[in-house]
Amino acid sequence: MNRRKFSFILLVLILLTPQVGAVSPDEAKKDVIKELVQDKSIENAELNYRIYVRSLEIIAIARSGLKEREVIEEYAKWLKSLQEADGSFPPIITFDVSGVPFCDAYYYAERPKGFESFPSCLYGFSLRKCPEYSYVITCSRVASTALVLYALLDAGEPKNSPVIKNGVQYLLRTMKNGTYWTYVYTISSSKSGYSTCEEAEKIWGFKETPSLVSTAYAIALLHRLGYDVSKPLEWLNSNFEPKNLMNEKYLEYLLENETSEWGYNFPFYQLGFPSVHFFHREPFESLVIPLVLIKEEELELNQNAISFVVSVLNKTKLSFSDYYGLHISVNLFWDSEEKYRIRMMFNGTNLTKIEKNGTFHYLLSEVWEFKAFEKNFTINGNINFTIPEEITWEPEIAVFLLKKLSNGSYMRVGCAEIEKCGEGCYNFKIRPHYDWWSDSLRPSVMALLWYYLSGETRDIGKFLEEYNLLGCESELTGGYEIRGCSEDYAMLLLLMDLQSGSFKISEKEFSQIKLAGFFVALVSISLIIGYLIRKRKVG
């Protein structure tokens, strides 16, 4: 056999080899799985959060097309150990109710209990001072049971195993009127402290409320197991409407036909929308995962509701060409009149240099509007002000960006790096470097999953080329030591699976592809060996 003939055989073999690039391992997925495996901080998180994240990890890794059986089996074994006698699993937080506190902003002077280390620009001013900082926690065993069982099936658990059968029986027993499932809730506050899901069940278990999130998870699982879910799906789609997806105040600010009330002062303190604050997530944020599972079960979802969420996310997505506001505030917490001087240099915007002098009484608050021309625009500045002798504490300095929304109101989207340079002297720098919803992964991935539900996938590909520019949520807002980055990376891997097509490949199909690849490789090796043997005999 001459070289030309041998080269032709190799070319034919290459062309015959199954093209499994969409489901084969790639470096990006490997890197993300490595991050998941190495992140040990999740072990310090509360049980409900660990259950949620470990379940997501199993689904994302199992659907990635990569051989990671050891990790999957370890997580699955832990989850199975949590099943209780009635077939259920410990509840997870569902965020069926808006996470925005009863009091819609919080004063700089008093941090919420447990969140003292949050960046100051996560907080804003309100027209009234809150008596206390409080928020609702919604929990559901149905949501956790359906999600865990779905993950265990992906891990290879047989459909007729006791853990699956007992869990399904729990779901069937707890369905209300043959149409929906419920959540229970509790209230946490800065005075009473954080209330757990277990406390919610014990104290408020009698006040079960219809749950979109729980129902969505149950639909995805039961349909996968062959059950008729037409009635629950009809209930879900009929209740899948804006008022059940986000806080009414958000709707006032984000809908085109509403007028802003407070000018630049968007009434919530979180950084961007979706929020990077774990306890202030909106219902639509936790609903996206079960909706993706329902979509992959090829069930019909309310596209009008999905389009509405996407339209809101389109408004709040950051873009370097947008109009912004730069907010600077100094709070002395002291009743006196002081002099101040602000100097700033803008690069990549329609503003170049600003200098301002004056006096302020108790509180200095200034906003400058500008238009960005470059993606990596920067703002460098300095604040100087006099401090009365009576003040022995550190003044509160806040410098942050506000994005201008289509209705004329603004939303906080980015904090400045601030460095003290002396008594009453502070240098600051803002350097945005992303086009997404925040500089952390989870909110942007979550938003892009809604894009996926709507069929808009163009931005997903772009994001997967740039995600390394973003950090994880807990690195931005605090709490890394008790949550780590596992949720961010699990959702990122899930997005990669959906975009690559590997999410739809079943274990059986993937095994067939691997077998076909092995067969072709075996034939290739045999031909090469045969050729070398014949060549040696001829020689």
Protein backbone atom coordinates (compact mmCIF):
# COMPACT_ATOMS: atom_id res chain seq x y z
CA MET A 1 0.00 0.00 0.00
CA ASN A 2 1.55 3.34 -1.03
CA ARG A 3 1.36 6.55 0.98
CA ARG A 4 -1.29 8.09 -1.23
CA LYS A 5 -3.57 5.08 -0.77
CA PHE A 6 -2.93 5.02 2.96
CA SER A 7 -3.75 8.73 3.26
CA PHE A 8 -6.99 8.13 1.38
CA ILE A 9 -8.03 5.38 3.83
CA LEU A 10 -7.32 7.64 6.78
CA LEU A 11 -9.35 10.45 5.22
CA VAL A 12 -12.31 8.11 4.68
CA LEU A 13 -12.08 6.92 8.28
CA ILE A 14 -12.07 10.49 9.56
CA LEU A 15 -15.15 11.30 7.48
CA LEU A 16 -16.89 8.18 8.78
CA THR A 17 -16.15 9.01 12.40
CA PRO A 18 -19.34 10.28 14.15
CA GLN A 19 -19.23 14.03 14.55
CA VAL A 20 -20.05 14.36 18.23
CA GLY A 21 -18.58 17.81 18.76
CA ALA A 22 -21.90 19.12 20.16
CA VAL A 23 -21.83 16.59 22.98
CA SER A 24 -18.15 15.77 23.32
CA PRO A 25 -16.10 17.25 26.17
CA ASP A 26 -14.64 20.71 25.55
CA GLU A 27 -12.25 22.75 27.62
CA ALA A 28 -14.85 25.23 28.80
CA LYS A 29 -17.05 22.54 30.34
CA LYS A 30 -14.03 20.83 31.89
CA ASP A 31 -12.98 24.10 33.50
CA VAL A 32 -16.44 24.71 34.94
CA ILE A 33 -16.71 21.18 36.33
CA LYS A 34 -13.28 21.61 37.88
CA GLU A 35 -14.50 24.76 39.60
CA LEU A 36 -17.55 22.89 40.91
CA VAL A 37 -15.53 19.99 42.28
CA GLN A 38 -12.96 22.25 43.94
CA ASP A 39 -15.51 24.54 45.59
CA LYS A 40 -15.75 23.28 49.16
CA SER A 41 -17.50 26.35 50.59
CA ILE A 42 -20.88 24.91 49.61
CA GLU A 43 -20.42 22.37 52.41
CA ASN A 44 -20.84 25.26 54.90
CA ALA A 45 -24.17 26.36 53.43
CA GLU A 46 -27.57 25.63 54.93
CA LEU A 47 -29.08 22.27 54.04
CA ASN A 48 -31.83 23.65 51.77
CA TYR A 49 -29.28 25.54 49.67
CA ARG A 50 -26.93 22.54 49.44
CA ILE A 51 -29.79 20.30 48.29
CA TYR A 52 -30.72 22.79 45.58
CA VAL A 53 -27.16 23.30 44.35
CA ARG A 54 -26.12 19.63 44.44
CA SER A 55 -29.22 18.72 42.43
CA LEU A 56 -28.37 21.36 39.81
CA GLU A 57 -24.80 20.11 39.68
CA ILE A 58 -25.89 16.54 39.00
CA ILE A 59 -28.22 17.63 36.18
CA ALA A 60 -25.64 19.95 34.61
CA ILE A 61 -22.75 17.48 34.82
CA ALA A 62 -24.82 14.48 33.69
CA ARG A 63 -26.08 16.45 30.67
CA SER A 64 -22.63 17.80 29.75
CA GLY A 65 -21.57 14.70 27.82
CA LEU A 66 -18.47 14.31 30.00
CA LYS A 67 -17.44 11.23 31.97
CA GLU A 68 -17.82 12.40 35.55
CA ARG A 69 -19.56 9.41 37.08
CA GLU A 70 -17.62 9.53 40.35
CA VAL A 71 -18.74 13.09 41.14
CA ILE A 72 -22.33 12.39 40.12
CA GLU A 73 -22.50 9.22 42.21
CA GLU A 74 -21.05 10.99 45.27
CA TYR A 75 -23.63 13.78 45.13
CA ALA A 76 -26.46 11.35 44.37
CA LYS A 77 -25.57 9.14 47.33
CA TRP A 78 -25.68 12.16 49.64
CA LEU A 79 -29.04 13.30 48.29
CA LYS A 80 -30.60 9.85 48.66
CA SER A 81 -29.51 9.75 52.30
CA LEU A 82 -31.78 12.74 52.99
CA GLN A 83 -35.06 11.14 51.96
CA GLU A 84 -37.55 11.00 54.82
CA ALA A 85 -40.06 8.30 55.76
CA ASP A 86 -42.92 9.93 53.83
CA GLY A 87 -40.83 9.97 50.64
CA SER A 88 -40.11 13.71 50.72
CA PHE A 89 -36.81 15.58 50.97
CA PRO A 90 -36.04 18.57 53.22
CA PRO A 91 -37.55 21.78 51.76
CA ILE A 92 -35.73 24.27 49.56
CA ILE A 93 -36.37 28.02 49.25
CA THR A 94 -38.61 28.72 46.24
CA PHE A 95 -38.83 32.55 46.24
CA ASP A 96 -42.48 32.31 45.18
CA VAL A 97 -42.96 35.73 46.78
CA SER A 98 -40.88 38.73 45.80
CA GLY A 99 -37.71 38.94 47.88
CA VAL A 100 -37.94 42.74 48.11
CA PRO A 101 -38.37 43.63 51.81
CA PHE A 102 -41.60 45.07 53.17
CA CYS A 103 -39.70 48.30 53.62
CA ASP A 104 -38.41 49.25 50.21
CA ALA A 105 -35.02 50.74 51.08
CA TYR A 106 -32.64 50.80 53.97
CA TYR A 107 -30.61 53.57 55.56
CA TYR A 108 -26.83 53.58 55.40
CA ALA A 109 -26.69 54.03 59.16
CA GLU A 110 -27.97 50.57 60.05
CA ARG A 111 -26.91 47.40 58.23
CA PRO A 112 -29.27 44.42 58.27
CA LYS A 113 -28.29 41.75 60.75
CA GLY A 114 -25.76 39.42 59.20
CA PHE A 115 -25.08 41.67 56.21
CA GLU A 116 -22.84 44.30 57.78
CA SER A 117 -20.03 43.65 55.29
CA PHE A 118 -22.07 44.38 52.17
CA PRO A 119 -20.71 47.17 49.91
CA SER A 120 -22.26 50.47 50.94
CA CYS A 121 -23.61 51.17 47.48
CA LEU A 122 -25.94 48.21 47.81
CA TYR A 123 -28.02 50.46 50.04
CA GLY A 124 -30.02 53.53 49.16
CA PHE A 125 -32.14 56.30 50.55
CA SER A 126 -35.84 56.05 51.23
CA LEU A 127 -38.58 58.60 51.75
CA ARG A 128 -39.13 57.00 55.14
CA LYS A 129 -36.87 55.21 57.56
CA CYS A 130 -37.64 51.53 57.94
CA PRO A 131 -38.55 50.40 61.45
CA GLU A 132 -36.77 47.17 60.64
CA TYR A 133 -35.46 45.24 57.69
CA SER A 134 -37.77 42.30 56.90
CA TYR A 135 -38.40 39.89 54.07
CA VAL A 136 -40.42 36.77 53.24
CA ILE A 137 -38.93 33.29 52.87
CA THR A 138 -41.01 30.71 50.95
CA CYS A 139 -40.16 27.01 51.19
CA SER A 140 -41.42 23.78 49.66
CA ARG A 141 -40.81 20.06 50.12
CA VAL A 142 -42.56 19.43 46.83
CA ALA A 143 -40.03 21.56 44.95
CA SER A 144 -37.08 19.84 46.62
CA THR A 145 -38.53 16.34 46.18
CA ALA A 146 -39.28 16.83 42.48
CA LEU A 147 -35.89 18.47 41.80
CA VAL A 148 -33.92 15.82 43.70
CA LEU A 149 -35.75 12.96 41.97
CA TYR A 150 -35.13 14.58 38.57
CA ALA A 151 -31.42 14.83 39.41
CA LEU A 152 -31.30 11.22 40.66
CA LEU A 153 -32.82 10.01 37.39
CA ASP A 154 -30.05 11.88 35.56
CA ALA A 155 -27.56 10.19 37.87
CA GLY A 156 -28.82 6.80 36.67
CA GLU A 157 -31.32 5.92 39.40
CA PRO A 158 -33.84 3.39 38.00
CA LYS A 159 -37.38 4.71 37.60
CA ASN A 160 -38.78 1.85 39.66
CA SER A 161 -36.33 2.17 42.56
CA PRO A 162 -37.79 2.70 46.05
CA VAL A 163 -36.36 6.22 46.34
CA ILE A 164 -38.11 7.31 43.12
CA LYS A 165 -41.38 5.49 43.80
CA ASN A 166 -41.66 6.78 47.38
CA GLY A 167 -40.89 10.35 46.29
CA VAL A 168 -43.46 10.23 43.51
CA GLN A 169 -46.11 8.92 45.92
CA TYR A 170 -45.39 11.91 48.18
CA LEU A 171 -45.91 14.28 45.25
CA LEU A 172 -49.17 12.63 44.25
CA ARG A 173 -50.47 12.75 47.83
CA THR A 174 -49.69 16.45 48.25
CA MET A 175 -51.18 17.69 44.97
CA LYS A 176 -54.12 20.03 45.63
CA ASN A 177 -57.35 19.56 43.69
CA GLY A 178 -55.45 17.53 41.14
CA THR A 179 -53.95 20.75 39.71
CA TYR A 180 -51.18 22.40 41.77
CA TRP A 181 -48.73 22.18 44.68
CA THR A 182 -47.97 24.64 47.48
CA TYR A 183 -45.36 26.46 49.58
CA VAL A 184 -45.21 27.63 53.20
CA TYR A 185 -43.63 30.91 54.26
CA THR A 186 -42.00 32.66 57.17
CA ILE A 187 -40.70 36.17 57.83
CA SER A 188 -37.14 37.14 58.69
CA SER A 189 -36.07 40.56 59.93
CA SER A 190 -33.14 42.54 61.28
CA LYS A 191 -34.60 42.27 64.79
CA SER A 192 -35.90 38.70 64.92
CA GLY A 193 -33.13 37.22 62.78
CA TYR A 194 -33.26 34.69 59.97
CA SER A 195 -36.09 32.13 59.93
CA THR A 196 -35.44 28.71 58.41
CA CYS A 197 -37.64 26.54 56.20
CA GLU A 198 -38.00 24.09 59.07
CA GLU A 199 -39.43 26.90 61.23
CA ALA A 200 -41.73 27.88 58.39
CA GLU A 201 -43.14 24.35 58.26
CA LYS A 202 -43.53 24.15 62.05
CA ILE A 203 -45.18 27.54 62.56
CA TRP A 204 -46.93 28.29 59.27
CA GLY A 205 -47.42 24.83 57.83
CA PHE A 206 -51.19 25.22 58.00
CA LYS A 207 -51.05 28.24 55.65
CA GLU A 208 -50.13 26.49 52.43
CA THR A 209 -50.26 28.72 49.35
CA PRO A 210 -50.34 27.73 45.64
CA SER A 211 -46.77 27.69 44.28
CA LEU A 212 -45.70 28.25 40.69
CA VAL A 213 -42.18 26.96 41.41
CA SER A 214 -43.24 23.79 43.21
CA THR A 215 -45.84 23.02 40.56
CA ALA A 216 -43.33 23.55 37.75
CA TYR A 217 -40.79 21.17 39.29
CA ALA A 218 -43.48 18.53 39.86
CA ILE A 219 -44.73 18.83 36.26
CA ALA A 220 -41.23 18.33 34.84
CA LEU A 221 -40.59 15.22 36.92
CA LEU A 222 -43.99 13.54 36.58
CA HIS A 223 -44.13 14.06 32.82
CA ARG A 224 -40.68 12.50 32.53
CA LEU A 225 -42.04 9.46 34.38
CA GLY A 226 -45.04 9.18 32.09
CA TYR A 227 -47.78 10.78 34.20
CA ASP A 228 -50.56 12.94 32.75
CA VAL A 229 -49.74 16.54 33.76
CA SER A 230 -52.24 18.34 31.56
CA LYS A 231 -54.22 19.85 34.46
CA PRO A 232 -51.18 21.09 36.46
CA LEU A 233 -49.68 22.49 33.24
CA GLU A 234 -52.90 24.35 32.46
CA TRP A 235 -52.92 25.78 36.00
CA LEU A 236 -49.26 26.81 35.70
CA ASN A 237 -49.75 28.59 32.38
CA SER A 238 -52.90 30.37 33.54
CA ASN A 239 -51.13 31.72 36.66
CA PHE A 240 -47.90 32.45 34.80
CA GLU A 241 -48.44 36.22 34.63
CA PRO A 242 -46.44 39.36 35.56
CA LYS A 243 -48.01 39.97 38.97
CA ASN A 244 -46.87 36.50 40.08
CA LEU A 245 -43.37 36.88 38.71
CA MET A 246 -41.99 40.06 40.27
CA ASN A 247 -42.66 42.76 42.84
CA GLU A 248 -45.32 45.29 41.89
CA LYS A 249 -42.88 48.16 42.44
CA TYR A 250 -40.55 46.66 39.87
CA LEU A 251 -43.44 46.45 37.45
CA GLU A 252 -44.20 50.15 37.97
CA TYR A 253 -40.60 51.07 37.15
CA LEU A 254 -39.95 48.62 34.34
CA LEU A 255 -43.14 48.84 32.30
CA GLU A 256 -43.21 51.40 29.50
CA ASN A 257 -46.53 52.94 30.48
CA GLU A 258 -45.48 53.82 34.03
CA THR A 259 -43.78 56.99 35.16
CA SER A 260 -40.98 56.97 37.71
CA GLU A 261 -41.72 58.50 41.10
CA TRP A 262 -38.32 59.53 42.43
CA GLY A 263 -36.20 60.53 39.46
CA TYR A 264 -32.82 58.84 39.73
CA ASN A 265 -33.60 57.03 42.96
CA PHE A 266 -34.76 53.54 41.98
CA PRO A 267 -36.48 52.35 45.14
CA PHE A 268 -34.49 49.18 45.81
CA TYR A 269 -30.96 48.86 47.08
CA GLN A 270 -29.74 45.74 45.28
CA LEU A 271 -27.09 46.01 42.64
CA GLY A 272 -28.73 45.66 39.26
CA PHE A 273 -31.75 43.68 38.13
CA PRO A 274 -31.88 40.70 38.53
CA SER A 275 -30.62 41.16 42.07
CA VAL A 276 -27.27 39.86 43.28
CA HIS A 277 -28.67 39.66 46.82
CA PHE A 278 -29.54 36.01 47.58
CA PHE A 279 -32.48 36.72 49.88
CA HIS A 280 -34.07 39.25 47.53
CA ARG A 281 -34.59 37.15 44.46
CA GLU A 282 -37.80 37.47 42.52
CA PRO A 283 -40.17 34.57 41.71
CA PHE A 284 -39.18 34.57 38.03
CA GLU A 285 -35.56 33.86 39.03
CA SER A 286 -36.23 30.56 40.79
CA LEU A 287 -38.90 29.60 38.25
CA VAL A 288 -36.52 29.50 35.29
CA ILE A 289 -34.85 26.16 36.13
CA PRO A 290 -38.07 24.10 36.31
CA LEU A 291 -39.36 25.88 33.20
CA VAL A 292 -36.22 24.83 31.31
CA LEU A 293 -36.83 21.24 32.43
CA ILE A 294 -40.46 21.50 31.27
CA LYS A 295 -39.34 22.87 27.89
CA GLU A 296 -36.92 19.97 27.50
CA GLU A 297 -39.87 17.65 28.20
CA GLU A 298 -41.37 19.27 25.07
CA LEU A 299 -44.39 20.68 26.88
CA GLU A 300 -46.02 23.97 25.85
CA LEU A 301 -45.40 27.02 28.06
CA ASN A 302 -47.14 30.39 28.17
CA GLN A 303 -45.04 32.27 25.60
CA ASN A 304 -46.69 35.61 26.38
CA ALA A 305 -45.39 35.45 29.94
CA ILE A 306 -41.94 34.39 28.76
CA SER A 307 -41.88 37.29 26.28
CA PHE A 308 -42.84 39.68 29.07
CA VAL A 309 -39.94 38.57 31.28
CA VAL A 310 -37.53 38.85 28.36
CA SER A 311 -38.80 42.37 27.59
CA VAL A 312 -38.04 43.41 31.18
CA LEU A 313 -34.59 41.82 31.03
CA ASN A 314 -33.93 43.66 27.76
CA LYS A 315 -34.47 46.94 29.61
CA THR A 316 -32.15 46.09 32.48
CA LYS A 317 -29.35 44.49 30.48
CA LEU A 318 -26.25 46.67 30.62
CA SER A 319 -24.84 48.02 27.39
CA PHE A 320 -21.81 50.28 27.13
CA SER A 321 -23.65 52.59 24.72
CA ASP A 322 -26.39 53.38 27.23
CA TYR A 323 -26.91 56.54 29.24
CA TYR A 324 -25.71 56.29 32.81
CA GLY A 325 -25.73 58.38 35.93
CA LEU A 326 -22.77 58.69 38.30
CA HIS A 327 -23.95 59.00 41.90
CA ILE A 328 -21.72 60.33 44.68
CA SER A 329 -22.84 60.69 48.27
CA VAL A 330 -21.21 61.53 51.60
CA ASN A 331 -23.12 60.98 54.82
CA LEU A 332 -21.60 62.42 58.00
CA PHE A 333 -24.45 61.38 60.29
CA TRP A 334 -23.96 64.79 61.90
CA ASP A 335 -25.95 68.01 61.76
CA SER A 336 -23.38 70.48 60.40
CA GLU A 337 -22.50 72.38 57.24
CA GLU A 338 -19.20 71.37 55.59
CA LYS A 339 -17.17 72.33 52.51
CA TYR A 340 -16.47 69.82 49.76
CA ARG A 341 -14.62 69.49 46.46
CA ILE A 342 -15.12 66.83 43.77
CA ARG A 343 -12.80 66.25 40.81
CA MET A 344 -13.37 63.57 38.16
CA MET A 345 -11.82 62.43 34.87
CA PHE A 346 -13.97 60.48 32.36
CA ASN A 347 -12.53 58.27 29.64
CA GLY A 348 -14.70 56.83 26.86
CA THR A 349 -17.77 58.98 27.56
CA ASN A 350 -19.23 62.29 26.39
CA LEU A 351 -17.93 63.85 29.63
CA THR A 352 -14.20 64.46 30.03
CA LYS A 353 -13.59 66.41 33.23
CA ILE A 354 -15.73 67.69 36.12
CA GLU A 355 -14.73 69.87 39.06
CA LYS A 356 -17.21 71.07 41.65
CA ASN A 357 -16.90 72.95 44.95
CA GLY A 358 -19.54 73.82 47.50
CA THR A 359 -21.01 73.10 50.89
CA PHE A 360 -23.37 70.41 52.12
CA HIS A 361 -25.50 70.06 55.21
CA TYR A 362 -25.43 66.61 56.84
CA LEU A 363 -25.63 64.77 53.52
CA LEU A 364 -23.96 65.36 50.15
CA SER A 365 -25.71 63.73 47.19
CA GLU A 366 -24.88 64.47 43.53
CA VAL A 367 -25.68 62.77 40.21
CA TRP A 368 -24.17 63.44 36.77
CA GLU A 369 -25.69 61.94 33.63
CA PHE A 370 -23.39 60.85 30.79
CA LYS A 371 -23.32 58.64 27.69
CA ALA A 372 -20.70 55.92 27.29
CA PHE A 373 -18.96 55.55 23.93
CA GLU A 374 -16.64 52.65 24.76
CA LYS A 375 -17.24 49.31 26.41
CA ASN A 376 -14.34 49.76 28.83
CA PHE A 377 -15.03 53.33 29.86
CA THR A 378 -13.47 54.48 33.13
CA ILE A 379 -14.11 57.20 35.70
CA ASN A 380 -11.41 58.30 38.12
CA GLY A 381 -12.17 60.82 40.81
CA ASN A 382 -11.41 62.35 44.16
CA ILE A 383 -13.65 63.67 46.97
CA ASN A 384 -12.40 66.08 49.63
CA PHE A 385 -14.54 67.47 52.44
CA THR A 386 -14.11 68.94 55.89
CA ILE A 387 -14.99 66.86 58.92
CA PRO A 388 -16.10 68.48 62.20
CA GLU A 389 -14.03 67.68 65.27
CA GLU A 390 -17.00 66.04 66.99
CA ILE A 391 -17.06 63.18 64.46
CA THR A 392 -15.01 60.21 65.62
CA TRP A 393 -16.56 57.67 63.25
CA GLU A 394 -15.93 57.05 59.57
CA PRO A 395 -18.26 58.94 57.19
CA GLU A 396 -20.27 56.84 54.74
CA ILE A 397 -18.99 57.26 51.17
CA ALA A 398 -20.91 55.80 48.24
CA VAL A 399 -19.99 56.07 44.55
CA PHE A 400 -21.93 53.98 42.05
CA LEU A 401 -23.29 53.87 38.51
CA LEU A 402 -26.96 54.17 37.67
CA LYS A 403 -28.32 52.89 34.38
CA LYS A 404 -31.00 55.02 32.78
CA LEU A 405 -34.14 53.02 32.04
CA SER A 406 -36.53 53.67 29.19
CA ASN A 407 -39.07 55.32 31.49
CA GLY A 408 -36.55 57.91 32.72
CA SER A 409 -35.82 56.35 36.11
CA TYR A 410 -32.46 54.90 37.09
CA MET A 411 -31.23 51.61 38.52
CA ARG A 412 -28.03 50.97 40.47
CA VAL A 413 -25.68 48.74 38.52
CA GLY A 414 -22.08 49.07 39.74
CA CYS A 415 -19.98 50.06 42.73
CA ALA A 416 -16.76 52.06 42.58
CA GLU A 417 -13.46 51.00 44.10
CA ILE A 418 -12.88 53.53 46.90
CA GLU A 419 -9.58 54.19 48.68
CA LYS A 420 -9.01 56.57 51.56
CA CYS A 421 -6.25 59.12 50.91
CA GLY A 422 -6.39 61.12 54.15
CA GLU A 423 -8.79 62.87 56.52
CA GLY A 424 -11.92 63.57 54.46
CA CYS A 425 -10.08 62.48 51.30
CA TYR A 426 -11.17 59.56 49.10
CA ASN A 427 -10.09 58.41 45.64
CA PHE A 428 -12.45 56.28 43.57
CA LYS A 429 -12.48 54.40 40.26
CA ILE A 430 -15.26 52.80 38.24
CA ARG A 431 -14.33 50.45 35.42
CA PRO A 432 -17.27 48.52 33.92
CA HIS A 433 -16.16 45.69 31.62
CA TYR A 434 -19.27 43.74 30.76
CA ASP A 435 -22.42 44.02 28.64
CA TRP A 436 -24.62 41.78 30.78
CA TRP A 437 -26.83 42.23 33.87
CA SER A 438 -24.14 42.52 36.52
CA ASP A 439 -20.51 41.61 37.05
CA SER A 440 -21.47 38.26 38.60
CA LEU A 441 -22.40 35.06 36.79
CA ARG A 442 -25.68 33.86 38.29
CA PRO A 443 -27.93 36.85 37.45
CA SER A 444 -26.68 36.96 33.86
CA VAL A 445 -26.91 33.19 33.34
CA MET A 446 -30.41 33.21 34.84
CA ALA A 447 -31.45 35.99 32.45
CA LEU A 448 -30.01 34.12 29.46
CA LEU A 449 -31.95 30.99 30.45
CA TRP A 450 -35.10 33.10 29.98
CA TYR A 451 -33.74 34.08 26.57
CA TYR A 452 -33.34 30.38 25.85
CA LEU A 453 -36.97 29.76 26.80
CA SER A 454 -38.01 32.45 24.33
CA GLY A 455 -35.84 31.04 21.54
CA GLU A 456 -33.35 33.91 21.57
CA THR A 457 -29.94 32.20 21.65
CA ARG A 458 -27.66 34.69 19.90
CA ASP A 459 -26.59 36.41 23.12
CA ILE A 460 -25.93 33.06 24.80
CA GLY A 461 -23.10 32.25 22.41
CA LYS A 462 -21.55 35.67 22.95
CA PHE A 463 -21.84 35.33 26.72
CA LEU A 464 -20.13 31.93 26.73
CA GLU A 465 -17.15 33.59 25.05
CA GLU A 466 -16.95 36.29 27.72
CA TYR A 467 -18.11 34.70 30.98
CA ASN A 468 -14.56 34.62 32.36
CA LEU A 469 -14.82 38.40 32.79
CA LEU A 470 -17.44 37.91 35.51
CA GLY A 471 -17.06 36.72 39.08
CA CYS A 472 -19.52 34.71 41.13
CA GLU A 473 -22.36 36.28 43.06
CA SER A 474 -21.08 35.64 46.60
CA GLU A 475 -17.73 37.25 45.71
CA LEU A 476 -19.56 40.48 44.93
CA THR A 477 -22.06 40.62 47.79
CA GLY A 478 -20.33 38.66 50.51
CA GLY A 479 -21.01 35.20 51.90
CA TYR A 480 -18.45 33.35 49.80
CA GLU A 481 -17.27 31.35 52.79
CA ILE A 482 -20.77 29.89 53.30
CA ARG A 483 -21.93 29.56 49.69
CA GLY A 484 -18.93 29.62 47.42
CA CYS A 485 -19.54 29.77 43.68
CA SER A 486 -21.19 26.40 43.07
CA GLU A 487 -24.62 27.75 42.12
CA ASP A 488 -23.10 30.18 39.62
CA TYR A 489 -21.04 27.48 37.92
CA ALA A 490 -23.80 24.85 37.98
CA MET A 491 -26.13 27.26 36.17
CA LEU A 492 -23.32 28.23 33.78
CA LEU A 493 -22.70 24.57 32.92
CA LEU A 494 -26.44 24.06 32.43
CA LEU A 495 -26.44 26.97 29.95
CA MET A 496 -23.46 25.42 28.15
CA ASP A 497 -25.29 22.09 27.92
CA LEU A 498 -28.37 23.73 26.43
CA GLN A 499 -26.38 25.79 23.95
CA SER A 500 -24.22 22.86 22.80
CA GLY A 501 -27.14 20.47 22.43
CA SER A 502 -25.75 17.94 24.88
CA PHE A 503 -28.64 18.57 27.30
CA LYS A 504 -31.02 16.59 25.09
CA ILE A 505 -28.71 13.60 24.68
CA SER A 506 -29.88 10.73 26.87
CA GLU A 507 -27.49 8.35 28.59
CA LYS A 508 -28.52 5.63 26.13
CA GLU A 509 -27.89 7.83 23.10
CA PHE A 510 -24.56 8.99 24.45
CA SER A 511 -23.51 5.37 25.05
CA GLN A 512 -24.41 4.54 21.45
CA ILE A 513 -22.31 7.45 20.19
CA LYS A 514 -19.38 6.37 22.33
CA LEU A 515 -19.75 2.77 21.06
CA ALA A 516 -19.80 3.93 17.44
CA GLY A 517 -16.71 6.05 18.05
CA PHE A 518 -14.97 3.12 19.69
CA PHE A 519 -15.82 0.84 16.73
CA VAL A 520 -14.45 3.30 14.16
CA ALA A 521 -11.32 3.84 16.25
CA LEU A 522 -10.83 0.06 16.47
CA VAL A 523 -11.18 -0.32 12.70
CA SER A 524 -8.72 2.54 12.16
CA ILE A 525 -6.13 0.99 14.45
CA SER A 526 -6.58 -2.44 12.80
CA LEU A 527 -6.03 -1.00 9.31
CA ILE A 528 -2.95 0.89 10.43
CA ILE A 529 -1.48 -2.17 12.15
CA GLY A 530 -2.24 -4.31 9.07
CA TYR A 531 -0.58 -1.77 6.83
CA LEU A 532 2.55 -1.64 9.01
CA ILE A 533 2.78 -5.46 9.11
CA ARG A 534 2.48 -5.75 5.34
CA LYS A 535 5.01 -2.98 4.86
CA ARG A 536 7.45 -4.78 7.18
CA LYS A 537 7.00 -8.08 5.24
CA VAL A 538 7.60 -6.32 1.94
CA GLY A 539 10.71 -4.69 3.40
